[in-house]
Amino acid sequence: AHGFVNDIDGGMPFDPVYYAGDKMYQMINADKFIEYAQKSNSPKMKEIAATLTEESNPVLVVATLK
């Protein structure tokens, strides 16, 4: 396993591929995002996944460091 584990709400693991300033970025295919959202306790992930289909563009996940 690699990346960051989301142990707050059971969301998807975060494995950033690009860093800029205080932000980290990861792209994930829509079908995989939907799969993670179904397993997650994150209302935000479920809300976003509800707007996607398997044919949607990849999802850009951005994490801001504090």
Protein backbone atom coordinates (compact mmCIF):
# COMPACT_ATOMS: atom_id res chain seq x y z
CA ALA A 1 0.00 0.00 0.00
CA HIS A 2 1.13 3.54 -0.63
CA GLY A 3 -0.24 7.04 -0.35
CA PHE A 4 -2.34 8.33 2.51
CA VAL A 5 -5.07 6.29 4.19
CA ASN A 6 -8.32 8.13 4.89
CA ASP A 7 -9.13 6.97 8.40
CA ILE A 8 -11.48 9.91 9.09
CA ASP A 9 -14.49 8.90 7.00
CA GLY A 10 -13.33 5.80 5.17
CA GLY A 11 -12.81 7.62 1.89
CA MET A 12 -10.46 6.54 -0.84
CA PRO A 13 -6.71 6.33 -0.31
CA PHE A 14 -4.95 9.46 -1.53
CA ASP A 15 -1.84 8.95 -3.66
CA PRO A 16 -0.87 12.37 -5.04
CA VAL A 17 1.01 12.55 -8.32
CA TYR A 18 1.65 16.30 -8.38
CA TYR A 19 2.46 18.90 -5.74
CA ALA A 20 2.26 22.70 -6.07
CA GLY A 21 2.59 25.04 -3.11
CA ASP A 22 0.30 23.77 -0.37
CA LYS A 23 -1.79 21.54 -2.68
CA MET A 24 -1.48 17.89 -3.71
CA TYR A 25 -3.30 16.44 -6.73
CA GLN A 26 -4.54 13.01 -7.77
CA MET A 27 -6.60 11.97 -10.79
CA ILE A 28 -8.90 8.95 -10.48
CA ASN A 29 -11.18 7.37 -13.05
CA ALA A 30 -14.85 8.10 -12.46
CA ASP A 31 -15.81 4.43 -12.14
CA LYS A 32 -13.17 3.89 -9.45
CA PHE A 33 -14.27 7.07 -7.63
CA ILE A 34 -17.88 5.84 -7.65
CA GLU A 35 -16.73 2.49 -6.23
CA TYR A 36 -14.81 4.18 -3.39
CA ALA A 37 -17.74 6.51 -2.66
CA GLN A 38 -20.11 3.57 -2.22
CA LYS A 39 -17.80 2.10 0.45
CA SER A 40 -17.10 5.46 2.11
CA ASN A 41 -18.85 7.22 4.97
CA SER A 42 -18.10 10.57 3.33
CA PRO A 43 -21.25 12.51 2.40
CA LYS A 44 -19.20 14.75 0.08
CA MET A 45 -17.82 11.78 -1.87
CA LYS A 46 -21.32 10.31 -2.20
CA GLU A 47 -22.66 13.67 -3.38
CA ILE A 48 -19.98 13.96 -6.07
CA ALA A 49 -20.31 10.31 -7.13
CA ALA A 50 -24.07 10.81 -7.64
CA THR A 51 -23.26 13.29 -10.42
CA LEU A 52 -20.94 10.87 -12.24
CA THR A 53 -21.34 7.94 -14.60
CA GLU A 54 -18.74 5.35 -15.54
CA GLU A 55 -18.18 7.31 -18.76
CA SER A 56 -17.50 10.61 -16.95
CA ASN A 57 -14.13 12.32 -17.18
CA PRO A 58 -11.61 11.44 -14.47
CA VAL A 59 -12.03 13.16 -11.11
CA LEU A 60 -9.33 15.54 -9.92
CA VAL A 61 -8.86 15.21 -6.16
CA VAL A 62 -7.10 18.13 -4.47
CA ALA A 63 -5.82 18.14 -0.90
CA THR A 64 -4.73 21.39 0.74
CA LEU A 65 -2.03 21.12 3.38
CA LYS A 66 -2.46 23.13 6.55
